[in-house]
């Protein structure tokens, strides 16, 4: 009788070890926390908010003082700038940068976004959250999905028709003029969102505020200004608001590497490789509402604006140590890069496209 030897020992499985970048990211986070860079800076935000409210009050006083004059268009432009600056605060509150309480941040963001920008916070939260999770990832980042501008060659190649093809080839030159319509587009998308049949968080809070906000400016303009001047006033306010918003967010990721939908890149590499910082110090921190520290903002989205500069020094050293590209340019250089990139995307439509990030093998 032949004995059969059975064994219950399983073959040893290979344990996949994360690479050095993944392993040491926790050390980066510890360094940032140890430096106190995740602490709240409520005093800073109170000062900024109070200053903007005073400037807003002064602007409306100017509106009443100037009366029937084409100088009112300067008032409209000032309102566009101030609405954008207050929207930056809504963005920061939405990221829990201002208060320790999540509830306080959410309601501050919701009230600011709806009452100042005429934008649904629930719509923005959904859209912006997807962007932060998948920056520059095809079919996952809503900021690079189909629009009048094709942000990657897959979209450009899908454009049909002679006119569409011609416009796409030169789309870089149309990008900044199109930003003039961003403000109106944000408001239209917000209204569509709050009126949709699907569930909307705090719909009955946002809806009446949006109705009042989107009504009050036309009512004031047409009540106190001649018909033509009133239309011009509203158009300038919306155009300046939209252009300022678009020109502030555009440098962050436009023209940076685009990731294929099935890419599996570790968190740190994905956030840094797809982000561009803008140099310029404190002035740029105010002008762009902290968006100029884009890499740090994506790595630590709840970090207060005044802390981002200090965090940038730590992140630069970390990137240099691990040979991860860290991009920083001036604001004007970034605009030039965007125009060239968008034109290249348009010209590449129909040709074979190999994503520059397709060969990235870093994994979680």
Protein backbone atom coordinates (compact mmCIF):
# COMPACT_ATOMS: atom_id res chain seq x y z
CA UNK A 1 0.00 0.00 0.00
CA UNK A 2 1.48 3.22 -1.06
CA UNK A 3 1.23 6.11 1.36
CA UNK A 4 0.39 9.49 -0.08
CA UNK A 5 2.10 12.41 1.57
CA UNK A 6 -0.18 15.41 1.94
CA UNK A 7 1.03 18.84 2.91
CA UNK A 8 -0.97 21.80 4.16
CA UNK A 9 1.90 24.23 3.68
CA UNK A 10 0.93 26.98 1.23
CA UNK A 11 3.41 28.48 -1.15
CA UNK A 12 4.76 31.77 0.14
CA UNK A 13 3.07 34.71 -1.54
CA UNK A 14 5.10 37.69 -2.62
CA UNK A 15 4.27 40.75 -0.55
CA UNK A 16 4.27 43.88 -2.64
CA UNK A 17 6.21 46.59 -0.88
CA UNK A 18 5.28 50.21 -1.55
CA UNK A 19 8.06 52.34 -2.97
CA UNK A 20 10.04 54.95 -1.07
CA UNK A 21 7.70 57.80 -1.99
CA UNK A 22 4.66 55.98 -0.63
CA UNK A 23 6.44 54.85 2.52
CA UNK A 24 7.86 58.24 3.39
CA UNK A 25 4.76 60.35 2.64
CA UNK A 26 3.62 59.66 6.19
CA UNK A 27 6.90 61.21 7.35
CA UNK A 28 6.15 64.32 5.29
CA UNK A 29 2.75 64.60 6.93
CA UNK A 30 4.32 64.18 10.36
CA UNK A 31 6.83 66.95 9.58
CA UNK A 32 4.05 69.29 8.52
CA UNK A 33 2.03 68.55 11.64
CA UNK A 34 5.07 68.92 13.90
CA UNK A 35 5.73 72.36 12.40
CA UNK A 36 2.19 73.38 13.36
CA UNK A 37 1.21 73.98 9.74
CA UNK A 38 -2.20 72.33 10.08
CA UNK A 39 -3.30 74.67 12.84
CA UNK A 40 -6.18 77.07 12.12
CA UNK A 41 -5.56 80.74 11.39
CA UNK A 42 -9.00 82.14 12.14
CA UNK A 43 -7.64 85.64 12.83
CA UNK A 44 -6.23 85.86 9.32
CA UNK A 45 -9.54 84.92 7.74
CA UNK A 46 -11.56 87.26 9.96
CA UNK A 47 -9.26 90.10 8.89
CA UNK A 48 -9.55 89.24 5.19
CA UNK A 49 -13.33 88.84 5.40
CA UNK A 50 -13.80 92.12 7.28
CA UNK A 51 -11.59 93.96 4.79
CA UNK A 52 -13.55 92.59 1.83
CA UNK A 53 -16.89 93.47 3.43
CA UNK A 54 -15.70 97.05 4.01
CA UNK A 55 -14.52 97.29 0.41
CA UNK A 56 -17.84 95.88 -0.79
CA UNK A 57 -19.74 98.48 1.26
CA UNK A 58 -17.50 101.25 -0.14
CA UNK A 59 -18.14 99.98 -3.67
CA UNK A 60 -21.92 100.14 -3.26
CA UNK A 61 -21.55 103.60 -1.71
CA UNK A 62 -19.68 104.55 -4.89
CA UNK A 63 -22.55 103.11 -6.96
CA UNK A 64 -25.01 105.41 -5.15
CA UNK A 65 -22.67 108.40 -5.33
CA UNK A 66 -21.76 108.19 -9.04
CA UNK A 67 -25.32 107.85 -10.31
CA UNK A 68 -26.06 108.00 -14.04
CA UNK A 69 -22.51 107.78 -15.41
CA UNK A 70 -20.47 105.34 -17.47
CA UNK A 71 -17.98 105.36 -14.58
CA UNK A 72 -20.42 102.84 -13.11
CA UNK A 73 -18.62 100.24 -15.20
CA UNK A 74 -15.62 100.69 -12.89
CA UNK A 75 -17.96 99.90 -9.99
CA UNK A 76 -19.15 96.80 -11.86
CA UNK A 77 -15.54 95.68 -12.38
CA UNK A 78 -14.78 96.23 -8.69
CA UNK A 79 -17.81 94.11 -7.76
CA UNK A 80 -16.50 91.33 -10.01
CA UNK A 81 -13.12 91.39 -8.26
CA UNK A 82 -14.63 91.45 -4.75
CA UNK A 83 -17.05 88.62 -5.56
CA UNK A 84 -14.07 86.55 -6.70
CA UNK A 85 -12.09 87.33 -3.55
CA UNK A 86 -15.04 86.33 -1.36
CA UNK A 87 -15.41 83.18 -3.45
CA UNK A 88 -11.82 82.30 -2.56
CA UNK A 89 -12.90 82.37 1.10
CA UNK A 90 -15.86 80.10 0.25
CA UNK A 91 -13.39 77.71 -1.42
CA UNK A 92 -11.19 77.70 1.68
CA UNK A 93 -14.13 77.18 4.03
CA UNK A 94 -15.29 74.34 1.79
CA UNK A 95 -11.91 72.69 2.39
CA UNK A 96 -12.27 73.14 6.20
CA UNK A 97 -9.32 75.54 6.28
CA UNK A 98 -10.93 78.27 8.39
CA UNK A 99 -12.71 76.79 11.41
CA UNK A 100 -12.11 73.69 13.51
CA UNK A 101 -15.80 72.81 13.19
CA UNK A 102 -16.82 71.06 9.97
CA UNK A 103 -20.33 72.46 10.35
CA UNK A 104 -19.07 76.05 10.66
CA UNK A 105 -16.91 75.64 7.55
CA UNK A 106 -19.70 74.07 5.50
CA UNK A 107 -22.26 76.73 6.33
CA UNK A 108 -19.79 79.56 5.82
CA UNK A 109 -18.92 78.16 2.39
CA UNK A 110 -22.56 77.57 1.49
CA UNK A 111 -23.71 81.07 2.46
CA UNK A 112 -20.76 82.80 0.80
CA UNK A 113 -20.98 80.81 -2.43
CA UNK A 114 -24.72 81.27 -2.89
CA UNK A 115 -25.08 84.87 -1.68
CA UNK A 116 -21.91 86.33 -3.22
CA UNK A 117 -21.04 84.26 -6.29
CA UNK A 118 -24.58 83.11 -7.09
CA UNK A 119 -23.24 79.57 -7.14
CA UNK A 120 -24.63 76.40 -5.56
CA UNK A 121 -22.28 75.12 -2.89
CA UNK A 122 -23.74 71.59 -3.18
CA UNK A 123 -22.97 71.57 -6.90
CA UNK A 124 -19.46 72.94 -6.35
CA UNK A 125 -18.70 70.49 -3.52
CA UNK A 126 -19.58 67.52 -5.71
CA UNK A 127 -17.62 68.78 -8.70
CA UNK A 128 -14.57 70.05 -6.81
CA UNK A 129 -14.35 66.93 -4.66
CA UNK A 130 -14.07 64.78 -7.78
CA UNK A 131 -11.33 67.08 -9.08
CA UNK A 132 -9.26 66.78 -5.90
CA UNK A 133 -9.57 63.00 -5.88
CA UNK A 134 -8.59 62.64 -9.55
CA UNK A 135 -6.71 65.76 -10.76
CA UNK A 136 -6.13 65.68 -14.53
CA UNK A 137 -7.39 62.08 -14.79
CA UNK A 138 -9.30 61.50 -18.03
CA UNK A 139 -13.03 60.80 -17.52
CA UNK A 140 -12.71 61.31 -13.74
CA UNK A 141 -11.71 64.96 -13.33
CA UNK A 142 -14.72 67.13 -14.27
CA UNK A 143 -12.39 70.09 -14.87
CA UNK A 144 -10.98 68.48 -18.02
CA UNK A 145 -14.16 66.93 -19.36
CA UNK A 146 -15.78 68.01 -22.61
CA UNK A 147 -16.39 71.74 -22.93
CA UNK A 148 -15.83 74.39 -25.64
CA UNK A 149 -12.11 73.72 -24.96
CA UNK A 150 -10.57 70.27 -25.42
CA UNK A 151 -8.11 69.73 -22.58
CA UNK A 152 -6.68 66.46 -23.90
CA UNK A 153 -6.38 64.81 -27.30
CA UNK A 154 -9.09 62.20 -26.73
CA UNK A 155 -11.67 64.99 -26.52
CA UNK A 156 -10.09 66.92 -29.39
CA UNK A 157 -10.09 63.87 -31.66
CA UNK A 158 -13.82 63.37 -31.05
CA UNK A 159 -14.68 66.81 -32.44
CA UNK A 160 -16.45 66.51 -35.77
CA UNK A 161 -17.09 68.99 -38.53
CA UNK A 162 -14.83 71.36 -40.45
CA UNK A 163 -15.53 74.44 -38.30
CA UNK A 164 -15.12 72.56 -35.02
CA UNK A 165 -11.83 71.11 -36.25
CA UNK A 166 -10.47 74.52 -37.28
CA UNK A 167 -11.46 76.14 -33.97
CA UNK A 168 -9.95 73.30 -31.96
CA UNK A 169 -6.59 73.67 -33.71
CA UNK A 170 -6.38 77.29 -32.52
CA UNK A 171 -8.26 76.80 -29.24
CA UNK A 172 -5.40 78.10 -27.10
CA UNK A 173 -6.06 81.61 -28.44
CA UNK A 174 -9.76 81.35 -27.58
CA UNK A 175 -9.23 80.10 -24.02
CA UNK A 176 -8.86 83.44 -22.25
CA UNK A 177 -11.65 85.24 -24.15
CA UNK A 178 -13.94 82.31 -23.23
CA UNK A 179 -13.17 82.90 -19.54
CA UNK A 180 -15.32 86.02 -19.77
CA UNK A 181 -18.33 83.69 -19.80
CA UNK A 182 -17.26 81.51 -16.87
CA UNK A 183 -19.22 83.52 -14.30
CA UNK A 184 -22.49 83.19 -16.20
CA UNK A 185 -21.77 79.51 -16.84
CA UNK A 186 -21.24 78.81 -13.13
CA UNK A 187 -24.55 80.45 -12.27
CA UNK A 188 -26.48 78.63 -15.00
CA UNK A 189 -25.03 75.25 -13.95
CA UNK A 190 -25.88 76.03 -10.31
CA UNK A 191 -29.50 76.87 -11.10
CA UNK A 192 -29.84 73.68 -13.17
CA UNK A 193 -28.37 71.68 -10.29
CA UNK A 194 -30.68 72.99 -7.54
CA UNK A 195 -33.75 72.51 -9.77
CA UNK A 196 -32.88 68.94 -10.75
CA UNK A 197 -35.11 66.07 -9.60
CA UNK A 198 -32.30 64.20 -7.84
CA UNK A 199 -31.48 64.93 -4.22
CA UNK A 200 -29.68 68.22 -3.51
CA UNK A 201 -28.21 68.82 -0.06
CA UNK A 202 -29.92 71.82 1.58
CA UNK A 203 -31.82 72.61 -1.61
CA UNK A 204 -34.35 74.77 0.25
CA UNK A 205 -31.58 76.85 1.77
CA UNK A 206 -29.65 77.41 -1.42
CA UNK A 207 -32.62 77.94 -3.75
CA UNK A 208 -34.09 81.11 -2.15
CA UNK A 209 -30.64 82.64 -1.62
CA UNK A 210 -29.72 82.01 -5.26
CA UNK A 211 -32.99 83.53 -6.47
CA UNK A 212 -32.42 86.67 -4.38
CA UNK A 213 -28.74 86.92 -5.37
CA UNK A 214 -29.40 86.50 -9.09
CA UNK A 215 -32.29 88.97 -8.97
CA UNK A 216 -30.91 91.78 -6.83
CA UNK A 217 -28.11 92.93 -9.16
CA UNK A 218 -30.40 93.33 -12.21
CA UNK A 219 -33.06 95.03 -10.04
CA UNK A 220 -30.56 97.59 -8.73
CA UNK A 221 -28.98 98.15 -12.14
CA UNK A 222 -32.26 98.64 -14.01
CA UNK A 223 -33.76 100.72 -11.20
CA UNK A 224 -30.98 103.30 -11.01
CA UNK A 225 -29.27 103.22 -14.42
CA UNK A 226 -30.42 103.83 -18.01
CA UNK A 227 -31.32 100.68 -19.95
CA UNK A 228 -28.10 100.39 -21.99
CA UNK A 229 -25.89 101.24 -19.04
CA UNK A 230 -27.71 98.69 -16.86
CA UNK A 231 -27.05 95.89 -19.38
CA UNK A 232 -23.40 96.98 -19.62
CA UNK A 233 -23.09 97.07 -15.82
CA UNK A 234 -24.34 93.49 -15.43
CA UNK A 235 -22.20 92.27 -18.35
CA UNK A 236 -19.00 93.83 -16.96
CA UNK A 237 -19.61 92.47 -13.46
CA UNK A 238 -20.15 88.94 -14.78
CA UNK A 239 -17.25 89.16 -17.24
CA UNK A 240 -14.74 90.37 -14.64
CA UNK A 241 -15.94 87.81 -12.09
CA UNK A 242 -15.72 84.97 -14.62
CA UNK A 243 -12.36 86.01 -16.05
CA UNK A 244 -10.78 86.51 -12.61
CA UNK A 245 -12.09 83.15 -11.37
CA UNK A 246 -11.03 81.30 -14.52
CA UNK A 247 -7.63 82.98 -14.75
CA UNK A 248 -6.96 82.12 -11.10
CA UNK A 249 -7.83 78.43 -11.38
CA UNK A 250 -6.42 77.81 -14.89
CA UNK A 251 -2.69 77.86 -13.98
CA UNK A 252 -3.18 75.12 -11.39
CA UNK A 253 -3.38 72.12 -13.72
CA UNK A 254 -3.89 73.20 -17.34
CA UNK A 255 -0.86 72.19 -19.38
CA UNK A 256 0.34 69.72 -16.75
CA UNK A 257 0.50 65.94 -17.37
CA UNK A 258 -2.85 64.27 -18.03
CA UNK A 259 -3.35 60.77 -16.60
CA UNK A 260 -5.18 57.96 -18.38
CA UNK A 261 -8.41 56.80 -16.74
CA UNK A 262 -6.89 53.45 -15.69
CA UNK A 263 -3.68 54.91 -14.22
CA UNK A 264 -2.71 53.87 -10.71
CA UNK A 265 -0.38 56.53 -9.39
CA UNK A 266 0.29 57.00 -5.68
CA UNK A 267 -1.41 59.93 -3.97
CA UNK A 268 1.69 62.10 -3.57
CA UNK A 269 2.91 61.70 -7.14
CA UNK A 270 -0.56 62.22 -8.60
CA UNK A 271 -1.10 65.48 -6.72
CA UNK A 272 2.36 66.96 -7.34
CA UNK A 273 2.94 65.87 -10.94
CA UNK A 274 -0.39 67.32 -12.10
CA UNK A 275 -0.08 70.61 -10.17
CA UNK A 276 1.70 73.86 -10.98
CA UNK A 277 2.67 76.48 -8.39
CA UNK A 278 2.86 80.19 -9.18
CA UNK A 279 5.71 82.24 -7.74
CA UNK A 280 5.16 85.75 -6.43
CA UNK A 281 5.11 85.51 -2.64
CA UNK A 282 2.54 87.22 -0.42
CA UNK A 283 1.11 89.37 -3.22
CA UNK A 284 0.26 86.26 -5.25
CA UNK A 285 -1.19 84.60 -2.12
CA UNK A 286 -3.71 87.43 -1.94
CA UNK A 287 -4.29 87.82 -5.69
CA UNK A 288 -4.98 84.11 -6.25
CA UNK A 289 -6.44 83.29 -2.85
CA UNK A 290 -3.76 80.70 -2.04
CA UNK A 291 -4.34 78.80 -5.29
CA UNK A 292 -0.79 79.68 -6.27
CA UNK A 293 0.42 77.04 -3.78
CA UNK A 294 -1.44 74.36 -5.71
CA UNK A 295 0.80 71.37 -4.94
CA UNK A 296 0.64 72.02 -1.21
CA UNK A 297 -3.09 72.72 -1.38
CA UNK A 298 -3.69 69.33 -3.02
CA UNK A 299 -1.43 67.52 -0.57
CA UNK A 300 -2.96 69.22 2.47
CA UNK A 301 -6.38 70.54 1.35
CA UNK A 302 -7.38 71.64 4.87
CA UNK A 303 -4.23 73.73 5.39
CA UNK A 304 -4.87 77.45 5.98
CA UNK A 305 -3.64 79.86 3.32
CA UNK A 306 -0.93 81.54 5.48
CA UNK A 307 0.69 78.15 6.18
CA UNK A 308 1.09 77.07 2.56
CA UNK A 309 4.30 79.05 1.98
CA UNK A 310 6.08 77.31 4.87
CA UNK A 311 4.75 73.94 3.73
CA UNK A 312 6.11 74.61 0.21
CA UNK A 313 9.68 74.67 1.51
CA UNK A 314 9.22 71.25 3.12
CA UNK A 315 7.53 69.79 0.04
CA UNK A 316 10.27 71.10 -2.29
CA UNK A 317 12.96 69.37 -0.23
CA UNK A 318 10.90 66.19 -0.16
CA UNK A 319 10.44 66.23 -3.94
CA UNK A 320 14.15 66.87 -4.51
CA UNK A 321 15.05 63.98 -2.20
CA UNK A 322 12.73 61.54 -4.00
CA UNK A 323 13.29 62.96 -7.51
CA UNK A 324 9.65 63.92 -8.01
CA UNK A 325 9.28 66.90 -10.41
CA UNK A 326 8.03 70.04 -8.64
CA UNK A 327 6.73 72.72 -11.01
CA UNK A 328 6.70 76.44 -10.29
CA UNK A 329 6.50 79.31 -12.79
CA UNK A 330 5.44 82.93 -12.90
CA UNK A 331 1.79 83.74 -13.61
CA UNK A 332 2.49 85.07 -17.12
CA UNK A 333 4.68 82.07 -17.95
CA UNK A 334 1.86 79.75 -16.89
CA UNK A 335 -0.56 81.52 -19.24
CA UNK A 336 1.89 81.09 -22.12
CA UNK A 337 2.25 77.39 -21.31
CA UNK A 338 -1.54 76.97 -21.27
CA UNK A 339 -2.01 78.61 -24.68
CA UNK A 340 0.75 76.51 -26.27
CA UNK A 341 -0.50 73.31 -24.66
CA UNK A 342 -4.10 73.81 -25.80
CA UNK A 343 -2.97 74.57 -29.35
CA UNK A 344 -0.78 71.44 -29.30
CA UNK A 345 -3.77 69.38 -28.14
CA UNK A 346 -5.84 70.78 -30.98
CA UNK A 347 -3.14 70.10 -33.56
CA UNK A 348 -2.61 66.57 -32.23
CA UNK A 349 -6.28 65.67 -32.73
CA UNK A 350 -6.54 62.62 -34.93
CA UNK A 351 -2.94 61.60 -34.44
CA UNK A 352 -1.82 58.79 -32.18
CA UNK A 353 -1.60 60.01 -28.62
CA UNK A 354 0.52 58.50 -25.92
CA UNK A 355 -0.16 60.01 -22.51
CA UNK A 356 3.07 61.21 -20.89
CA UNK A 357 1.95 59.56 -17.65
CA UNK A 358 0.96 56.20 -19.12
CA UNK A 359 4.25 54.61 -18.12
CA UNK A 360 4.14 55.76 -14.53
CA UNK A 361 4.22 52.63 -12.38
CA UNK A 362 4.07 54.01 -8.88
CA UNK A 363 1.23 52.38 -6.99
CA UNK A 364 -0.57 52.89 -3.72
